[in-house]
Protein backbone atom coordinates (compact mmCIF):
# COMPACT_ATOMS: atom_id res chain seq x y z
CA MET A 1 -0.29 22.90 -82.66
CA ALA A 2 0.26 23.28 -79.15
CA ASN A 3 0.88 26.89 -77.85
CA ASP A 4 2.42 25.47 -74.43
CA PRO A 5 -0.99 26.06 -72.47
CA MET A 6 -0.77 25.09 -69.14
CA PRO A 7 -2.83 25.20 -65.95
CA PRO A 8 -1.74 27.19 -63.24
CA ASN A 9 -0.49 23.32 -60.86
CA VAL A 10 1.83 23.08 -63.84
CA ALA A 11 5.26 24.11 -64.44
CA ASP A 12 8.94 23.29 -66.23
CA THR A 13 12.16 23.41 -64.46
CA PHE A 14 15.18 22.93 -66.21
CA VAL A 15 18.13 21.50 -64.28
CA ILE A 16 21.23 22.03 -66.07
CA LEU A 17 23.75 19.23 -65.60
CA LYS A 18 27.27 19.81 -64.91
CA PRO A 19 29.90 18.58 -67.40
CA ARG A 20 30.31 14.77 -66.93
CA SER A 21 33.91 15.01 -66.07
CA ASP A 22 32.82 17.08 -63.12
CA TRP A 23 30.71 14.37 -61.53
CA PRO A 24 31.55 12.72 -58.33
CA MET A 25 31.30 9.25 -60.30
CA PRO A 26 31.51 10.05 -64.24
CA SER A 27 30.41 6.23 -65.08
CA LYS A 28 26.53 7.08 -63.92
CA THR A 29 23.93 6.48 -66.04
CA LYS A 30 21.18 8.61 -67.30
CA GLN A 31 18.73 5.67 -66.13
CA GLU A 32 20.39 6.03 -62.34
CA PHE A 33 20.56 9.71 -62.20
CA ILE A 34 16.79 10.03 -62.71
CA THR A 35 16.50 7.08 -59.93
CA GLU A 36 18.05 9.08 -57.67
CA LEU A 37 16.95 12.23 -58.31
CA GLU A 38 13.28 11.26 -58.20
CA GLN A 39 14.28 9.54 -54.90
CA SER A 40 15.21 12.88 -53.62
CA ILE A 41 12.04 15.07 -54.90
CA GLU A 42 9.21 12.20 -54.32
CA LYS A 43 9.63 13.11 -50.41
CA LEU A 44 7.79 16.63 -51.44
CA PRO A 45 4.74 16.22 -50.71
CA GLY A 46 1.39 17.33 -52.83
CA ASN A 47 3.67 17.02 -56.31
CA ASN A 48 3.84 15.22 -59.32
CA TYR A 49 6.60 14.64 -61.41
CA GLU A 50 7.43 13.35 -65.37
CA PHE A 51 11.20 13.69 -66.22
CA THR A 52 11.88 14.75 -69.98
CA GLN A 53 14.34 16.72 -71.91
CA PRO A 54 13.44 19.84 -73.50
CA ILE A 55 13.41 19.00 -77.23
CA GLN A 56 11.65 15.78 -76.42
CA MET A 57 9.05 17.00 -74.42
CA ARG A 58 8.73 19.94 -77.32
CA PHE A 59 8.35 17.37 -79.83
CA ASN A 60 5.94 15.05 -77.77
CA GLU A 61 3.88 18.30 -77.45
CA LEU A 62 3.72 18.91 -80.87
CA ILE A 63 2.91 15.70 -82.16
CA SER A 64 0.08 14.50 -79.46
CA GLY A 65 -0.16 17.33 -77.19
CA VAL A 66 1.43 15.04 -74.10
CA ARG A 67 5.13 15.27 -72.27
CA ALA A 68 5.27 11.61 -71.75
CA ASP A 69 6.66 8.68 -73.59
CA LEU A 70 2.74 7.18 -73.24
CA GLY A 71 -0.56 9.16 -73.39
CA ILE A 72 -3.86 7.31 -72.78
CA LYS A 73 -6.19 9.97 -73.78
CA VAL A 74 -9.61 9.58 -72.38
CA PHE A 75 -12.54 11.02 -74.31
CA GLY A 76 -16.53 11.89 -73.83
CA ASP A 77 -19.09 14.42 -72.66
CA ASP A 78 -18.82 14.29 -68.29
CA LEU A 79 -15.99 15.28 -66.72
CA SER A 80 -16.13 13.30 -63.50
CA GLN A 81 -16.51 9.68 -65.46
CA LEU A 82 -13.60 11.05 -67.45
CA LEU A 83 -11.65 11.68 -64.45
CA ALA A 84 -13.20 8.19 -62.79
CA SER A 85 -12.12 6.29 -65.96
CA ALA A 86 -8.61 7.96 -66.13
CA ASN A 87 -7.79 6.59 -62.55
CA GLU A 88 -9.08 3.19 -63.18
CA ILE A 89 -6.41 2.96 -66.05
CA LEU A 90 -4.05 4.54 -63.88
CA ALA A 91 -4.14 1.99 -61.16
CA VAL A 92 -4.30 -0.73 -63.98
CA ILE A 93 -0.72 1.12 -65.87
CA ASN A 94 0.61 1.07 -62.23
CA THR A 95 0.99 -2.98 -62.24
CA ILE A 96 2.92 -3.15 -65.57
CA ASP A 97 6.65 -3.70 -65.07
CA GLY A 98 8.85 -0.63 -66.43
CA VAL A 99 6.18 2.02 -65.75
CA ALA A 100 7.24 5.48 -64.36
CA ASP A 101 6.25 8.64 -63.62
CA ALA A 102 2.46 7.49 -64.11
CA ARG A 103 0.04 10.05 -63.00
CA VAL A 104 -3.56 11.82 -64.37
CA GLU A 105 -3.41 15.22 -65.35
CA GLN A 106 -4.61 17.46 -62.62
CA VAL A 107 -8.16 18.62 -63.67
CA THR A 108 -9.92 19.32 -60.22
CA GLY A 109 -9.01 21.26 -56.96
CA LEU A 110 -8.84 24.38 -58.17
CA PRO A 111 -10.37 26.71 -55.61
CA THR A 112 -12.98 28.71 -57.26
CA LEU A 113 -15.05 32.03 -55.80
CA SER A 114 -18.56 31.54 -56.55
CA VAL A 115 -21.16 34.13 -56.97
CA ILE A 116 -24.69 32.72 -56.79
CA PRO A 117 -27.59 35.15 -57.66
CA LYS A 118 -30.74 35.35 -55.39
CA ARG A 119 -32.97 36.10 -58.28
CA THR A 120 -36.17 37.25 -55.91
CA ALA A 121 -33.88 39.40 -54.11
CA LEU A 122 -32.69 40.83 -57.12
CA GLY A 123 -35.88 41.53 -58.62
CA ARG A 124 -36.99 43.41 -55.12
CA TYR A 125 -34.45 45.82 -55.44
CA GLY A 126 -35.17 46.21 -58.96
CA LEU A 127 -31.77 44.59 -59.85
CA ASN A 128 -30.79 42.11 -62.94
CA VAL A 129 -28.32 39.46 -63.49
CA ALA A 130 -26.07 41.33 -65.86
CA ASP A 131 -26.11 44.32 -62.93
CA LEU A 132 -24.59 41.89 -60.58
CA GLN A 133 -22.28 40.45 -62.81
CA ASN A 134 -20.89 43.63 -64.02
CA TRP A 135 -20.26 45.20 -60.73
CA VAL A 136 -18.70 41.90 -59.15
CA ALA A 137 -16.37 41.15 -62.23
CA THR A 138 -15.39 45.06 -61.72
CA ALA A 139 -14.87 44.88 -58.18
CA ILE A 140 -13.06 41.53 -58.33
CA GLY A 141 -11.27 41.49 -61.78
CA GLY A 142 -10.92 45.03 -62.38
CA GLU A 143 -11.97 47.19 -65.31
CA SER A 144 -10.29 49.93 -67.60
CA ALA A 145 -10.43 53.71 -66.70
CA GLY A 146 -8.02 54.92 -69.19
CA ILE A 147 -4.20 55.13 -70.41
CA LEU A 148 -1.68 56.70 -68.74
CA TYR A 149 0.99 57.61 -71.19
CA GLU A 150 5.07 58.51 -70.03
CA GLY A 151 6.82 59.20 -73.49
CA ASP A 152 6.29 56.38 -75.46
CA ARG A 153 5.46 54.14 -73.27
CA ARG A 154 1.45 53.26 -71.95
CA PHE A 155 0.03 51.97 -69.22
CA GLU A 156 -3.39 50.90 -68.99
CA LEU A 157 -5.30 52.05 -65.39
CA ILE A 158 -7.07 49.06 -63.86
CA VAL A 159 -9.69 49.91 -61.02
CA ARG A 160 -10.60 47.04 -58.89
CA LEU A 161 -10.94 46.67 -55.01
CA PRO A 162 -7.36 46.12 -53.12
CA GLU A 163 -5.81 42.58 -52.81
CA THR A 164 -6.62 41.85 -49.14
CA THR A 165 -10.53 42.56 -49.73
CA ARG A 166 -10.52 40.45 -52.77
CA ARG A 167 -8.94 37.65 -50.92
CA ASP A 168 -11.40 38.12 -47.88
CA ILE A 169 -14.53 36.28 -48.59
CA ASP A 170 -16.46 38.16 -45.46
CA ARG A 171 -15.67 41.58 -46.44
CA LEU A 172 -16.59 40.87 -50.28
CA ALA A 173 -20.09 39.85 -48.54
CA SER A 174 -20.29 43.34 -47.34
CA LEU A 175 -19.80 44.86 -50.71
CA PRO A 176 -22.34 47.61 -51.46
CA VAL A 177 -24.00 47.20 -54.54
CA PRO A 178 -25.87 50.83 -55.83
CA LEU A 179 -29.60 50.68 -56.34
CA SER A 180 -31.15 52.95 -59.14
CA ASN A 181 -32.41 54.93 -56.45
CA GLY A 182 -29.16 55.61 -55.22
CA ASP A 183 -28.87 53.52 -51.81
CA TYR A 184 -26.93 50.52 -51.68
CA VAL A 185 -27.19 46.78 -50.71
CA PRO A 186 -24.75 44.66 -48.97
CA LEU A 187 -23.70 41.84 -52.04
CA SER A 188 -24.73 39.35 -49.48
CA GLU A 189 -28.25 40.25 -49.19
CA ILE A 190 -28.74 39.81 -53.40
CA ALA A 191 -26.30 36.81 -54.10
CA THR A 192 -24.65 33.71 -51.89
CA LEU A 193 -20.72 34.09 -52.19
CA ASP A 194 -18.56 30.68 -51.78
CA ILE A 195 -15.39 29.63 -52.39
CA ALA A 196 -15.57 25.36 -53.40
CA PRO A 197 -13.24 23.85 -55.78
CA ALA A 198 -13.82 23.66 -59.42
CA PRO A 199 -11.79 21.99 -62.82
CA ALA A 200 -8.69 23.29 -62.83
CA GLN A 201 -8.58 22.81 -66.20
CA ILE A 202 -10.92 21.21 -69.13
CA SER A 203 -9.05 19.81 -72.42
CA ARG A 204 -10.38 19.02 -75.44
CA GLU A 205 -9.06 17.85 -78.60
CA ASN A 206 -10.94 17.73 -82.15
CA GLY A 207 -14.39 19.13 -80.25
CA LYS A 208 -14.19 16.40 -77.40
CA ARG A 209 -13.20 16.68 -73.99
CA ARG A 210 -10.53 14.69 -72.42
CA VAL A 211 -8.44 13.47 -69.71
CA VAL A 212 -4.61 12.13 -70.38
CA VAL A 213 -3.34 9.52 -68.03
CA THR A 214 0.32 9.96 -68.90
CA ALA A 215 3.88 7.33 -68.18
CA ASN A 216 7.41 6.96 -68.77
CA VAL A 217 8.95 3.78 -69.66
CA ARG A 218 12.28 2.78 -67.72
CA GLY A 219 14.00 -0.66 -68.34
CA ARG A 220 12.04 -1.89 -71.22
CA ASP A 221 11.10 -1.50 -74.51
CA LEU A 222 8.45 1.19 -75.22
CA GLY A 223 6.45 -1.03 -77.72
CA SER A 224 6.09 -4.09 -75.43
CA PHE A 225 4.74 -1.86 -72.78
CA VAL A 226 2.27 -0.39 -74.82
CA ASP A 227 1.08 -3.83 -75.97
CA GLU A 228 1.00 -5.16 -72.09
CA ALA A 229 -0.95 -1.97 -71.40
CA LYS A 230 -3.43 -1.90 -74.09
CA ARG A 231 -4.28 -5.69 -73.59
CA LYS A 232 -4.74 -4.93 -69.19
CA ILE A 233 -6.65 -1.85 -69.90
CA ASN A 234 -9.19 -4.08 -72.46
CA ASP A 235 -9.50 -6.91 -69.91
CA GLU A 236 -9.43 -5.09 -66.88
CA VAL A 237 -11.33 -1.81 -67.40
CA ASP A 238 -14.56 -1.22 -68.20
CA ILE A 239 -15.08 2.30 -70.70
CA PRO A 240 -18.87 3.46 -70.76
CA ALA A 241 -20.76 3.68 -74.00
CA GLY A 242 -19.84 6.93 -75.56
CA TYR A 243 -16.66 7.27 -73.95
CA TRP A 244 -13.26 5.87 -75.94
CA LEU A 245 -9.24 6.00 -76.10
CA GLY A 246 -6.82 7.45 -77.54
CA TYR A 247 -2.84 6.74 -77.45
CA GLY A 248 -0.32 9.11 -78.32
CA GLY A 249 3.41 10.34 -76.38
CA THR A 250 6.30 8.96 -78.03
CA PHE A 251 4.55 5.79 -78.81
CA GLU A 252 2.94 7.50 -81.87
CA GLN A 253 6.63 8.17 -83.12
CA LEU A 254 7.50 4.46 -82.67
CA ALA A 255 4.83 3.05 -84.24
CA SER A 256 5.41 5.66 -87.54
CA ALA A 257 9.19 4.48 -87.37
CA THR A 258 8.33 0.96 -86.83
CA GLN A 259 5.94 1.00 -90.18
CA ARG A 260 8.46 2.78 -92.21
CA LEU A 261 10.86 -0.01 -91.15
CA SER A 262 8.69 -2.72 -92.31
CA ILE A 263 8.93 -1.34 -95.64
CA VAL A 264 12.44 -0.42 -95.68
CA VAL A 265 14.00 -3.47 -94.13
CA PRO A 266 12.33 -5.68 -97.02
CA LEU A 267 13.68 -3.78 -99.92
CA THR A 268 17.09 -2.91 -98.61
CA LEU A 269 17.29 -7.14 -98.37
CA LEU A 270 15.67 -7.51 -101.53
CA LEU A 271 18.30 -5.18 -103.29
CA ILE A 272 21.25 -6.57 -101.45
CA ILE A 273 20.50 -10.10 -103.15
CA SER A 274 19.58 -8.37 -106.28
CA LEU A 275 22.95 -6.88 -106.02
CA LEU A 276 24.81 -10.46 -105.33
CA VAL A 277 22.87 -11.84 -108.40
CA MET A 278 24.34 -9.23 -110.76
CA ALA A 279 27.72 -9.58 -109.09
CA PHE A 280 27.67 -13.70 -109.30
CA SER A 281 25.37 -14.53 -112.59
CA SER A 282 24.09 -16.91 -110.11
CA LEU A 283 21.00 -16.93 -107.82
CA LYS A 284 22.42 -20.42 -105.88
CA ASP A 285 26.13 -18.35 -104.76
CA ALA A 286 23.79 -15.31 -104.21
CA LEU A 287 22.25 -17.18 -102.00
CA ILE A 288 24.98 -18.72 -100.28
CA VAL A 289 26.76 -15.11 -99.80
CA PHE A 290 23.16 -14.08 -97.99
CA SER A 291 23.07 -16.95 -95.63
CA GLY A 292 25.43 -14.70 -93.58
CA VAL A 293 22.66 -11.86 -93.01
CA PRO A 294 20.53 -14.03 -90.79
CA LEU A 295 23.92 -15.71 -88.83
CA ALA A 296 24.66 -11.59 -88.29
CA LEU A 297 20.68 -10.79 -87.11
CA THR A 298 21.10 -13.47 -84.52
CA GLY A 299 24.39 -12.07 -83.14
CA GLY A 300 23.17 -8.30 -83.27
CA VAL A 301 20.01 -9.92 -81.15
CA LEU A 302 22.09 -11.43 -79.03
CA ALA A 303 24.31 -8.96 -78.20
CA LEU A 304 21.70 -6.88 -77.11
CA PHE A 305 20.27 -9.34 -74.76
CA ILE A 306 23.91 -9.66 -73.14
CA ARG A 307 23.59 -6.35 -72.38
CA GLY A 308 20.35 -5.72 -71.51
CA MET A 309 19.46 -3.43 -74.22
CA PRO A 310 15.36 -3.55 -75.69
CA MET A 311 15.09 -3.85 -79.13
CA SER A 312 14.55 -0.18 -80.17
CA ILE A 313 14.43 2.17 -83.69
CA SER A 314 18.13 2.48 -83.62
CA ALA A 315 19.06 -0.88 -83.24
CA GLY A 316 16.67 -1.45 -86.15
CA ILE A 317 19.30 0.78 -88.36
CA GLY A 318 22.07 -1.05 -86.72
CA PHE A 319 20.45 -4.03 -88.57
CA ILE A 320 20.28 -2.62 -92.13
CA ALA A 321 24.20 -1.70 -91.70
CA LEU A 322 25.09 -4.81 -90.47
CA SER A 323 23.41 -6.70 -93.42
CA GLY A 324 25.60 -4.93 -95.73
CA VAL A 325 28.85 -5.69 -93.72
CA ALA A 326 27.93 -9.25 -93.32
CA VAL A 327 27.27 -9.20 -97.33
CA LEU A 328 30.67 -7.78 -98.07
CA ASN A 329 32.71 -10.60 -96.03
CA GLY A 330 31.05 -12.93 -97.62
CA LEU A 331 31.33 -11.34 -100.84
CA VAL A 332 35.34 -10.95 -100.62
CA MET A 333 35.63 -14.69 -99.33
CA LEU A 334 33.34 -16.30 -102.20
CA SER A 335 34.61 -14.45 -105.04
CA PHE A 336 38.33 -15.55 -104.49
CA ILE A 337 37.05 -18.93 -104.00
CA ARG A 338 35.03 -18.93 -107.42
CA ASP A 339 38.05 -17.24 -109.28
CA LEU A 340 40.69 -20.31 -107.62
CA TRP A 341 38.63 -22.74 -109.00
CA ARG A 342 37.87 -21.60 -112.21
CA GLU A 343 41.63 -21.48 -112.52
CA LYS A 344 42.78 -24.73 -110.57
CA GLY A 345 39.92 -26.85 -111.59
CA ASP A 346 39.95 -28.45 -107.88
CA LEU A 347 36.72 -27.71 -106.04
CA MET A 348 38.13 -29.06 -102.66
CA LEU A 349 41.44 -27.36 -103.08
CA ALA A 350 39.78 -23.73 -104.03
CA VAL A 351 37.78 -23.76 -101.08
CA THR A 352 40.39 -24.57 -98.60
CA GLU A 353 43.29 -22.37 -100.28
CA GLY A 354 40.41 -19.80 -100.44
CA ALA A 355 39.43 -19.66 -97.03
CA LEU A 356 43.13 -19.88 -95.86
CA MET A 357 44.11 -16.72 -98.29
CA ARG A 358 41.03 -14.56 -97.64
CA LEU A 359 41.22 -15.07 -93.61
CA ARG A 360 43.34 -11.70 -93.06
CA PRO A 361 40.78 -9.70 -95.67
CA VAL A 362 38.07 -10.84 -93.92
CA ILE A 363 39.41 -10.26 -90.33
CA MET A 364 40.26 -7.14 -91.56
CA THR A 365 37.42 -5.78 -93.14
CA ALA A 366 35.52 -7.16 -89.62
CA LEU A 367 37.81 -5.05 -87.09
CA VAL A 368 37.46 -2.24 -89.30
CA ALA A 369 33.68 -1.83 -88.87
CA SER A 370 33.50 -3.34 -85.32
CA LEU A 371 35.78 -1.02 -83.67
CA GLY A 372 34.83 1.62 -85.27
CA PHE A 373 31.95 1.35 -83.50
CA VAL A 374 33.27 0.50 -79.78
CA PRO A 375 33.49 4.36 -78.87
CA MET A 376 29.55 4.71 -79.75
CA ALA A 377 28.82 1.67 -77.77
CA LEU A 378 30.49 2.37 -74.71
CA ASN A 379 29.05 5.97 -75.19
CA THR A 380 27.20 7.41 -71.83
CA GLY A 381 27.37 10.77 -72.62
CA THR A 382 25.10 12.90 -75.08
CA GLY A 383 23.32 10.55 -77.94
CA ALA A 384 24.26 7.14 -76.03
CA GLU A 385 20.10 6.34 -76.40
CA VAL A 386 20.67 6.56 -79.99
CA GLN A 387 24.24 5.54 -80.18
CA ARG A 388 24.68 2.46 -77.72
CA PRO A 389 22.22 0.18 -79.68
CA LEU A 390 23.29 0.58 -83.15
CA ALA A 391 27.01 0.12 -82.22
CA THR A 392 26.01 -2.92 -80.04
CA VAL A 393 23.77 -4.68 -82.68
CA VAL A 394 26.93 -3.91 -85.66
CA ILE A 395 29.22 -5.40 -83.51
CA GLY A 396 27.82 -8.43 -82.11
CA GLY A 397 26.53 -8.82 -85.68
CA ILE A 398 29.79 -8.54 -86.99
CA ILE A 399 31.23 -11.24 -84.73
CA SER A 400 29.08 -13.61 -85.75
CA SER A 401 28.85 -13.19 -89.29
CA THR A 402 32.79 -13.29 -89.40
CA LEU A 403 32.41 -16.79 -88.19
CA LEU A 404 30.33 -17.76 -90.29
CA THR A 405 32.45 -15.93 -93.39
CA LEU A 406 35.35 -18.05 -92.51
CA LEU A 407 34.06 -21.53 -91.17
CA VAL A 408 30.61 -21.78 -93.03
CA LEU A 409 30.64 -20.05 -95.94
CA PRO A 410 33.56 -22.15 -97.57
CA ILE A 411 31.34 -25.68 -96.39
CA LEU A 412 28.44 -24.45 -98.15
CA TYR A 413 29.92 -23.57 -101.10
CA GLN A 414 31.62 -26.89 -101.62
CA TRP A 415 28.42 -28.90 -100.12
CA PHE A 416 26.35 -27.03 -103.07
CA HIS A 417 28.68 -26.81 -106.00
CA ARG A 418 30.15 -30.58 -105.40
CA ASN A 419 28.50 -32.50 -108.29
CA ASP A 420 28.97 -29.04 -110.45
CA LYS A 421 31.47 -28.91 -113.17
CA PRO A 422 34.44 -25.91 -113.03
CA GLN A 423 33.23 -22.88 -114.09
CA HIS A 424 35.15 -20.93 -116.67
């Protein structure tokens, strides 16, 4: 579980939005706002940005240790090779349509003061490396010299060199190091001081070093983006032996939810057709009513295409709800036609009158279900990313399934039962 560890070069900045009614353009979408924000801050040199939301970022960290929609983790031993492979992957990712905020986590470039002992000089002065390390650690890092009490509060006293001296490598070089005979020797006589870049962070997962390439996805669905990224990386990036890749981020949640839906959706459809068979005591009639589901799904997909929305988990849940509504309309129509046929004994008359007399109930059922989702389909506020695909699928599917129920379903029933005797 991540406890929010961050290197010195990473910071979170929270942008608190005003109420949408106070915006100059209340109809502006989240995507448009992020695009304008990105264009403004990318003018600041030396910075990389990722756009996310607090709860989304925290869950991504807890689940996979990354903060973006997709995290490509490069595992291995040599940090230089990890960074080189990560940069190759970044170059490939930047060529994929829909990529945003792509970057490699900053693992190098941290200025570090190196104190390298001169072992021959240390031996000449009767010192050892441990003595030198302790002296430098006290002078630069500080060492506890006691505790000061003020009432019920206590403060630890740290002794170290002043800030101006610790930041000046030339003055540190003149730092006197005590010898056993009471004399002193300058630090530069027994050690080499140098400020050089060093690793800014070394991350590990399951005991192995890793470097992460992160990217967000805008304007397309995450699933197809990840599939294309995997394919291009396998074709264009040569991962050395002993190194391997892992994929994390929101993509992990998508894969998990997709796996669950692959089980839930077939079970839902099987349960629907089972209930229809129980209601009609006829597999043939059950299948006629169930034929409304494919056309309803087609209408939902078409509605997503018209609005330019990708297939998502919320849209998949909308398809499940849509299946129930589509079957309900067919059940209302077919039950009445069966009763008329049983009562009058004329199939064509029962189909014609049944279709006309059930016109109003079917349309009312469809309007109740579809109009109730209109506010969700037009929502641009909080939760719109989840609500709009779901509502769009339901509205589009209800329109197409209603047309099927009113026009095609009676024809199918008459065609399949044209040689049957009236039911009693």
